[in-house]
Amino acid sequence: MKSSKIKNNLSSKIFKTQTYFLLMFLFFITSYASAIPSNFTTKEIKFVSEGISLAGTIFMPNNAQVAVVIVHGSGQEKE
């Protein structure tokens, strides 16, 4: 009797965990799909210089009047 309660409890926890991960996955997919408005154009770019490549994505509004460039990275930087 204890064995069946333990199995039922374990399967319930597994089901809850799987449901949680599925809901989180769906949340992130829908938020990503809605994160880029339809009035934006995206373009994948890549620069190569002396064997080093820098890749990124440009998000550009179709009616651009001003621009902001954000560059991020990690580690020690030389300016």
C-alpha atoms as a PDB file:
ATOM      1  CA  MET A   1       0.000   0.000   0.000  1.00  0.00           C
ATOM      2  CA  LYS A   2       2.824   2.410   0.822  1.00  0.00           C
ATOM      3  CA  SER A   3       4.531   1.484  -2.422  1.00  0.00           C
ATOM      4  CA  SER A   4       1.526   2.478  -4.544  1.00  0.00           C
ATOM      5  CA  LYS A   5       1.173   5.799  -2.653  1.00  0.00           C
ATOM      6  CA  ILE A   6       4.842   6.563  -3.287  1.00  0.00           C
ATOM      7  CA  LYS A   7       4.478   5.720  -6.989  1.00  0.00           C
ATOM      8  CA  ASN A   8       1.354   7.878  -7.312  1.00  0.00           C
ATOM      9  CA  ASN A   9       3.037  10.764  -5.497  1.00  0.00           C
ATOM     10  CA  LEU A  10       6.140  10.483  -7.680  1.00  0.00           C
ATOM     11  CA  SER A  11       4.148  10.329 -10.921  1.00  0.00           C
ATOM     12  CA  SER A  12       2.119  13.348  -9.785  1.00  0.00           C
ATOM     13  CA  LYS A  13       5.310  15.329  -9.135  1.00  0.00           C
ATOM     14  CA  ILE A  14       6.741  14.322 -12.515  1.00  0.00           C
ATOM     15  CA  PHE A  15       3.526  15.384 -14.254  1.00  0.00           C
ATOM     16  CA  LYS A  16       3.530  18.749 -12.460  1.00  0.00           C
ATOM     17  CA  THR A  17       7.192  19.321 -13.384  1.00  0.00           C
ATOM     18  CA  GLN A  18       6.613  18.439 -17.039  1.00  0.00           C
ATOM     19  CA  THR A  19       3.556  20.707 -17.155  1.00  0.00           C
ATOM     20  CA  TYR A  20       5.550  23.548 -15.607  1.00  0.00           C
ATOM     21  CA  PHE A  21       8.370  23.238 -18.162  1.00  0.00           C
ATOM     22  CA  LEU A  22       5.884  23.038 -21.038  1.00  0.00           C
ATOM     23  CA  LEU A  23       4.106  26.190 -19.875  1.00  0.00           C
ATOM     24  CA  MET A  24       7.414  28.041 -19.451  1.00  0.00           C
ATOM     25  CA  PHE A  25       8.511  26.947 -22.931  1.00  0.00           C
ATOM     26  CA  LEU A  26       5.249  28.158 -24.465  1.00  0.00           C
ATOM     27  CA  PHE A  27       5.517  31.448 -22.567  1.00  0.00           C
ATOM     28  CA  PHE A  28       9.018  32.137 -23.888  1.00  0.00           C
ATOM     29  CA  ILE A  29       8.102  31.152 -27.449  1.00  0.00           C
ATOM     30  CA  THR A  30       5.075  33.446 -27.525  1.00  0.00           C
ATOM     31  CA  SER A  31       6.933  36.317 -25.876  1.00  0.00           C
ATOM     32  CA  TYR A  32       9.779  35.989 -28.414  1.00  0.00           C
ATOM     33  CA  ALA A  33       7.351  35.908 -31.329  1.00  0.00           C
ATOM     34  CA  SER A  34       5.645  39.048 -30.091  1.00  0.00           C
ATOM     35  CA  ALA A  35       8.899  40.805 -29.097  1.00  0.00           C
ATOM     36  CA  ILE A  36       9.656  42.002 -32.638  1.00  0.00           C
ATOM     37  CA  PRO A  37       6.938  44.367 -33.884  1.00  0.00           C
ATOM     38  CA  SER A  38       5.779  44.008 -37.473  1.00  0.00           C
ATOM     39  CA  ASN A  39       7.098  47.478 -38.370  1.00  0.00           C
ATOM     40  CA  PHE A  40      10.717  46.357 -37.757  1.00  0.00           C
ATOM     41  CA  THR A  41      13.138  44.784 -40.207  1.00  0.00           C
ATOM     42  CA  THR A  42      15.767  42.345 -38.923  1.00  0.00           C
ATOM     43  CA  LYS A  43      19.047  41.534 -40.627  1.00  0.00           C
ATOM     44  CA  GLU A  44      21.726  39.036 -39.587  1.00  0.00           C
ATOM     45  CA  ILE A  45      25.231  40.460 -40.057  1.00  0.00           C
ATOM     46  CA  LYS A  46      28.785  39.189 -39.656  1.00  0.00           C
ATOM     47  CA  PHE A  47      32.089  41.044 -39.753  1.00  0.00           C
ATOM     48  CA  VAL A  48      35.367  39.191 -40.213  1.00  0.00           C
ATOM     49  CA  SER A  49      38.728  40.853 -39.568  1.00  0.00           C
ATOM     50  CA  GLU A  50      42.107  39.149 -39.206  1.00  0.00           C
ATOM     51  CA  GLY A  51      40.478  35.756 -38.599  1.00  0.00           C
ATOM     52  CA  ILE A  52      38.126  37.022 -35.881  1.00  0.00           C
ATOM     53  CA  SER A  53      34.416  37.220 -36.596  1.00  0.00           C
ATOM     54  CA  LEU A  54      31.749  39.350 -34.944  1.00  0.00           C
ATOM     55  CA  ALA A  55      28.151  38.388 -35.632  1.00  0.00           C
ATOM     56  CA  GLY A  56      24.875  39.956 -34.605  1.00  0.00           C
ATOM     57  CA  THR A  57      21.397  40.999 -35.553  1.00  0.00           C
ATOM     58  CA  ILE A  58      20.283  44.461 -36.596  1.00  0.00           C
ATOM     59  CA  PHE A  59      16.742  45.438 -35.601  1.00  0.00           C
ATOM     60  CA  MET A  60      15.757  48.456 -37.650  1.00  0.00           C
ATOM     61  CA  PRO A  61      12.404  50.242 -37.574  1.00  0.00           C
ATOM     62  CA  ASN A  62      10.958  50.849 -41.029  1.00  0.00           C
ATOM     63  CA  ASN A  63      10.516  54.575 -40.302  1.00  0.00           C
ATOM     64  CA  ALA A  64      13.834  55.248 -38.525  1.00  0.00           C
ATOM     65  CA  GLN A  65      14.616  58.823 -37.525  1.00  0.00           C
ATOM     66  CA  VAL A  66      17.230  58.227 -34.800  1.00  0.00           C
ATOM     67  CA  ALA A  67      19.427  55.268 -33.868  1.00  0.00           C
ATOM     68  CA  VAL A  68      20.873  53.661 -30.738  1.00  0.00           C
ATOM     69  CA  VAL A  69      23.692  51.119 -30.884  1.00  0.00           C
ATOM     70  CA  ILE A  70      24.059  48.707 -27.969  1.00  0.00           C
ATOM     71  CA  VAL A  71      27.191  46.562 -27.803  1.00  0.00           C
ATOM     72  CA  HIS A  72      27.681  44.085 -25.008  1.00  0.00           C
ATOM     73  CA  GLY A  73      30.267  41.503 -24.194  1.00  0.00           C
ATOM     74  CA  SER A  74      32.082  39.785 -21.383  1.00  0.00           C
ATOM     75  CA  GLY A  75      35.585  39.777 -20.048  1.00  0.00           C
ATOM     76  CA  GLN A  76      38.269  42.398 -19.912  1.00  0.00           C
ATOM     77  CA  GLU A  77      38.007  45.043 -22.620  1.00  0.00           C
ATOM     78  CA  LYS A  78      40.688  47.312 -24.075  1.00  0.00           C
ATOM     79  CA  GLU A  79      39.397  50.701 -25.089  1.00  0.00           C
END
